[in-house]
Amino acid sequence: MSKKKNSSDIQHIGTAIQQMLKEFHIKAKFDEANVVASWERLVGKPIAKHTKKVYVRNKVVFVELDSPSLKHNLNMHKSHILSILKKEFGDDAVAEIILM
C-alpha cells in the first residue's frame, strides 16, 4: 500500500530550512555566520584584504579595518554597504554597520 503525497505536504527546501532555523531558535546565529562568511564576496577582495575582523551582534555588523583612509572612505559609503547587506540577507539579519 503506497502512500500518496499531498501537494500541500511538499515544501521548497529553502522554506523548510528557514522554518527549522526558527523552530530551533538559531536563525539569528545562522544569519550572523552567513554575513561574516559572505563579507569578501559582497565587498570585494581589495576591501576584504584590509579587513581585520568582521562580526555581527544583535543585527549590527562590526568591521575592523587596518587602514584609516579606507575606514573614512567606507564611512562615506556606509549606507550603500548596508543596503547591499540588507538586500542579500534581509532586514531581519542586518540593521546597522559600524566601522572600526
N, C-alpha and C. Protein backbone atom coordinates (compact mmCIF):
# COMPACT_ATOMS: atom_id res chain seq x y z
N MET A 1 0.84 -1.17 0.00
CA MET A 1 0.00 0.00 0.00
C MET A 1 0.89 1.24 0.00
N SER A 2 0.86 1.99 -1.06
CA SER A 2 1.71 3.18 -1.16
C SER A 2 0.96 4.40 -0.67
N LYS A 3 1.68 5.27 -0.06
CA LYS A 3 1.11 6.50 0.46
C LYS A 3 1.28 7.60 -0.56
N LYS A 4 0.20 8.24 -0.94
CA LYS A 4 0.29 9.35 -1.89
C LYS A 4 0.63 10.62 -1.14
N LYS A 5 1.53 11.39 -1.72
CA LYS A 5 1.91 12.69 -1.14
C LYS A 5 0.91 13.74 -1.58
N ASN A 6 0.39 14.44 -0.64
CA ASN A 6 -0.50 15.56 -0.92
C ASN A 6 0.37 16.74 -1.32
N SER A 7 -0.03 17.50 -2.32
CA SER A 7 0.79 18.63 -2.78
C SER A 7 0.97 19.67 -1.69
N SER A 8 0.08 19.71 -0.70
CA SER A 8 0.24 20.67 0.40
C SER A 8 1.33 20.22 1.38
N ASP A 9 1.74 18.95 1.31
CA ASP A 9 2.81 18.43 2.18
C ASP A 9 4.20 18.77 1.63
N ILE A 10 4.27 19.15 0.39
CA ILE A 10 5.56 19.42 -0.25
C ILE A 10 5.94 20.88 -0.04
N GLN A 11 7.21 21.09 0.38
CA GLN A 11 7.73 22.43 0.64
C GLN A 11 9.03 22.62 -0.12
N HIS A 12 9.30 23.85 -0.45
CA HIS A 12 10.59 24.20 -1.03
C HIS A 12 11.65 24.00 0.05
N ILE A 13 12.80 23.47 -0.31
CA ILE A 13 13.84 23.16 0.67
C ILE A 13 14.28 24.40 1.45
N GLY A 14 14.36 25.55 0.78
CA GLY A 14 14.75 26.80 1.46
C GLY A 14 13.75 27.19 2.53
N THR A 15 12.47 27.03 2.23
CA THR A 15 11.42 27.34 3.20
C THR A 15 11.50 26.40 4.39
N ALA A 16 11.73 25.12 4.12
CA ALA A 16 11.82 24.13 5.20
C ALA A 16 13.01 24.43 6.11
N ILE A 17 14.13 24.81 5.52
CA ILE A 17 15.32 25.14 6.33
C ILE A 17 15.08 26.38 7.17
N GLN A 18 14.47 27.40 6.59
CA GLN A 18 14.16 28.62 7.35
C GLN A 18 13.23 28.31 8.52
N GLN A 19 12.23 27.47 8.31
CA GLN A 19 11.33 27.09 9.40
C GLN A 19 12.07 26.34 10.49
N MET A 20 12.95 25.44 10.09
CA MET A 20 13.73 24.67 11.07
C MET A 20 14.62 25.61 11.91
N LEU A 21 15.28 26.57 11.24
CA LEU A 21 16.14 27.50 11.96
C LEU A 21 15.34 28.32 12.98
N LYS A 22 14.14 28.72 12.60
CA LYS A 22 13.27 29.48 13.52
C LYS A 22 12.82 28.60 14.69
N GLU A 23 12.42 27.37 14.39
CA GLU A 23 11.93 26.47 15.43
C GLU A 23 13.01 26.17 16.47
N PHE A 24 14.25 26.03 16.03
CA PHE A 24 15.34 25.73 16.95
C PHE A 24 16.00 27.00 17.50
N HIS A 25 15.43 28.15 17.17
CA HIS A 25 15.92 29.45 17.66
C HIS A 25 17.40 29.68 17.34
N ILE A 26 17.80 29.30 16.13
CA ILE A 26 19.20 29.50 15.72
C ILE A 26 19.30 30.34 14.45
N LYS A 27 18.19 30.91 14.02
CA LYS A 27 18.21 31.71 12.79
C LYS A 27 19.14 32.91 12.90
N ALA A 28 19.11 33.61 14.03
CA ALA A 28 19.97 34.78 14.20
C ALA A 28 21.45 34.40 14.10
N LYS A 29 21.84 33.31 14.74
CA LYS A 29 23.24 32.85 14.68
C LYS A 29 23.61 32.42 13.27
N PHE A 30 22.69 31.77 12.59
CA PHE A 30 22.93 31.35 11.22
C PHE A 30 23.13 32.57 10.33
N ASP A 31 22.26 33.59 10.48
CA ASP A 31 22.38 34.81 9.70
C ASP A 31 23.71 35.52 9.98
N GLU A 32 24.11 35.58 11.25
CA GLU A 32 25.38 36.22 11.62
C GLU A 32 26.55 35.52 10.94
N ALA A 33 26.57 34.20 10.99
CA ALA A 33 27.65 33.44 10.36
C ALA A 33 27.65 33.63 8.85
N ASN A 34 26.48 33.72 8.27
CA ASN A 34 26.35 33.90 6.83
C ASN A 34 26.88 35.27 6.39
N VAL A 35 26.60 36.31 7.17
CA VAL A 35 27.11 37.66 6.86
C VAL A 35 28.64 37.65 6.89
N VAL A 36 29.21 37.08 7.94
CA VAL A 36 30.67 37.05 8.07
C VAL A 36 31.30 36.25 6.92
N ALA A 37 30.73 35.09 6.62
CA ALA A 37 31.27 34.24 5.55
C ALA A 37 31.17 34.90 4.17
N SER A 38 30.20 35.79 3.99
CA SER A 38 29.97 36.41 2.68
C SER A 38 30.64 37.78 2.53
N TRP A 39 31.33 38.24 3.55
CA TRP A 39 31.90 39.60 3.54
C TRP A 39 32.76 39.85 2.30
N GLU A 40 33.73 38.99 2.02
CA GLU A 40 34.63 39.21 0.87
C GLU A 40 33.86 39.22 -0.45
N ARG A 41 32.93 38.32 -0.61
CA ARG A 41 32.15 38.26 -1.85
C ARG A 41 31.33 39.53 -2.06
N LEU A 42 30.82 40.10 -0.99
CA LEU A 42 29.94 41.27 -1.11
C LEU A 42 30.70 42.58 -1.27
N VAL A 43 31.85 42.72 -0.61
CA VAL A 43 32.57 44.00 -0.67
C VAL A 43 33.77 43.96 -1.61
N GLY A 44 34.18 42.77 -2.01
CA GLY A 44 35.31 42.64 -2.92
C GLY A 44 36.63 42.37 -2.20
N LYS A 45 37.58 41.82 -2.94
CA LYS A 45 38.88 41.45 -2.36
C LYS A 45 39.69 42.62 -1.83
N PRO A 46 39.72 43.77 -2.53
CA PRO A 46 40.54 44.88 -2.01
C PRO A 46 40.10 45.34 -0.61
N ILE A 47 38.82 45.42 -0.38
CA ILE A 47 38.33 45.82 0.95
C ILE A 47 38.53 44.69 1.95
N ALA A 48 38.23 43.47 1.54
CA ALA A 48 38.38 42.32 2.42
C ALA A 48 39.84 42.14 2.85
N LYS A 49 40.77 42.49 1.97
CA LYS A 49 42.19 42.37 2.28
C LYS A 49 42.59 43.28 3.45
N HIS A 50 41.91 44.40 3.59
CA HIS A 50 42.20 45.35 4.68
C HIS A 50 41.25 45.19 5.87
N THR A 51 40.45 44.14 5.84
CA THR A 51 39.53 43.86 6.94
C THR A 51 40.22 42.91 7.91
N LYS A 52 40.36 43.38 9.15
CA LYS A 52 41.00 42.54 10.16
C LYS A 52 39.99 41.60 10.81
N LYS A 53 38.76 42.09 11.00
CA LYS A 53 37.76 41.29 11.70
C LYS A 53 36.36 41.75 11.30
N VAL A 54 35.46 40.79 11.15
CA VAL A 54 34.04 41.07 10.89
C VAL A 54 33.24 40.18 11.84
N TYR A 55 32.31 40.79 12.56
CA TYR A 55 31.40 40.00 13.39
C TYR A 55 30.07 40.73 13.51
N VAL A 56 29.05 39.98 13.89
CA VAL A 56 27.70 40.51 13.98
C VAL A 56 27.16 40.24 15.37
N ARG A 57 26.59 41.27 15.98
CA ARG A 57 25.93 41.14 17.28
C ARG A 57 24.63 41.94 17.24
N ASN A 58 23.54 41.29 17.55
CA ASN A 58 22.23 41.95 17.61
C ASN A 58 21.93 42.76 16.34
N LYS A 59 22.15 42.15 15.19
CA LYS A 59 21.87 42.74 13.88
C LYS A 59 22.80 43.90 13.51
N VAL A 60 23.87 44.09 14.27
CA VAL A 60 24.85 45.14 13.97
C VAL A 60 26.12 44.46 13.46
N VAL A 61 26.57 44.87 12.26
CA VAL A 61 27.79 44.32 11.68
C VAL A 61 28.94 45.22 12.10
N PHE A 62 29.92 44.64 12.78
CA PHE A 62 31.12 45.36 13.20
C PHE A 62 32.26 44.95 12.27
N VAL A 63 32.92 45.95 11.69
CA VAL A 63 34.01 45.70 10.75
C VAL A 63 35.25 46.43 11.24
N GLU A 64 36.30 45.68 11.53
CA GLU A 64 37.57 46.28 11.96
C GLU A 64 38.50 46.31 10.75
N LEU A 65 38.99 47.51 10.44
CA LEU A 65 39.84 47.71 9.26
C LEU A 65 41.26 48.09 9.69
N ASP A 66 42.23 47.79 8.85
CA ASP A 66 43.62 48.13 9.17
C ASP A 66 44.08 49.43 8.50
N SER A 67 43.18 50.12 7.82
CA SER A 67 43.53 51.33 7.09
C SER A 67 42.58 52.48 7.47
N PRO A 68 43.11 53.52 8.13
CA PRO A 68 42.26 54.67 8.48
C PRO A 68 41.63 55.34 7.26
N SER A 69 42.38 55.41 6.16
CA SER A 69 41.82 56.06 4.96
C SER A 69 40.68 55.22 4.36
N LEU A 70 40.82 53.91 4.39
CA LEU A 70 39.74 53.04 3.90
C LEU A 70 38.53 53.15 4.82
N LYS A 71 38.77 53.21 6.12
CA LYS A 71 37.67 53.38 7.06
C LYS A 71 36.89 54.67 6.76
N HIS A 72 37.61 55.74 6.53
CA HIS A 72 36.98 57.02 6.20
C HIS A 72 36.17 56.91 4.90
N ASN A 73 36.76 56.29 3.91
CA ASN A 73 36.09 56.12 2.62
C ASN A 73 34.82 55.27 2.77
N LEU A 74 34.93 54.17 3.50
CA LEU A 74 33.77 53.30 3.68
C LEU A 74 32.69 53.96 4.52
N ASN A 75 33.09 54.81 5.46
CA ASN A 75 32.10 55.54 6.26
C ASN A 75 31.23 56.42 5.37
N MET A 76 31.83 56.99 4.33
CA MET A 76 31.06 57.81 3.41
C MET A 76 30.09 56.97 2.57
N HIS A 77 30.38 55.68 2.42
CA HIS A 77 29.55 54.77 1.63
C HIS A 77 28.83 53.74 2.50
N LYS A 78 28.73 54.03 3.78
CA LYS A 78 28.16 53.10 4.74
C LYS A 78 26.72 52.71 4.39
N SER A 79 25.93 53.67 3.96
CA SER A 79 24.52 53.37 3.64
C SER A 79 24.43 52.42 2.44
N HIS A 80 25.34 52.56 1.50
CA HIS A 80 25.35 51.67 0.33
C HIS A 80 25.73 50.24 0.75
N ILE A 81 26.74 50.13 1.59
CA ILE A 81 27.16 48.80 2.08
C ILE A 81 26.02 48.16 2.86
N LEU A 82 25.36 48.96 3.70
CA LEU A 82 24.25 48.44 4.48
C LEU A 82 23.11 47.97 3.56
N SER A 83 22.85 48.71 2.50
CA SER A 83 21.78 48.29 1.58
C SER A 83 22.14 46.99 0.86
N ILE A 84 23.42 46.81 0.55
CA ILE A 84 23.87 45.54 -0.07
C ILE A 84 23.64 44.39 0.90
N LEU A 85 24.03 44.59 2.17
CA LEU A 85 23.84 43.54 3.18
C LEU A 85 22.37 43.23 3.40
N LYS A 86 21.54 44.26 3.46
CA LYS A 86 20.10 44.05 3.66
C LYS A 86 19.47 43.35 2.46
N LYS A 87 19.92 43.71 1.27
CA LYS A 87 19.39 43.07 0.06
C LYS A 87 19.75 41.58 0.05
N GLU A 88 20.95 41.27 0.47
CA GLU A 88 21.43 39.89 0.47
C GLU A 88 20.81 39.06 1.60
N PHE A 89 20.70 39.65 2.81
CA PHE A 89 20.30 38.87 3.98
C PHE A 89 18.97 39.28 4.60
N GLY A 90 18.43 40.42 4.19
CA GLY A 90 17.15 40.89 4.72
C GLY A 90 17.30 41.78 5.93
N ASP A 91 16.24 42.51 6.21
CA ASP A 91 16.23 43.42 7.36
C ASP A 91 16.30 42.68 8.69
N ASP A 92 15.88 41.42 8.69
CA ASP A 92 15.90 40.63 9.92
C ASP A 92 17.32 40.29 10.36
N ALA A 93 18.26 40.28 9.42
CA ALA A 93 19.63 39.86 9.74
C ALA A 93 20.54 41.05 10.04
N VAL A 94 20.34 42.18 9.36
CA VAL A 94 21.25 43.31 9.47
C VAL A 94 20.46 44.61 9.63
N ALA A 95 20.83 45.39 10.65
CA ALA A 95 20.16 46.68 10.87
C ALA A 95 21.13 47.85 10.79
N GLU A 96 22.40 47.59 11.08
CA GLU A 96 23.39 48.67 11.15
C GLU A 96 24.78 48.12 10.87
N ILE A 97 25.69 49.00 10.49
CA ILE A 97 27.09 48.62 10.30
C ILE A 97 27.97 49.65 11.01
N ILE A 98 28.95 49.15 11.74
CA ILE A 98 29.89 50.02 12.45
C ILE A 98 31.29 49.68 11.97
N LEU A 99 31.99 50.71 11.50
CA LEU A 99 33.36 50.54 11.01
C LEU A 99 34.33 50.98 12.09
N MET A 100 35.30 50.13 12.37
CA MET A 100 36.27 50.42 13.44
C MET A 100 37.68 50.43 12.90
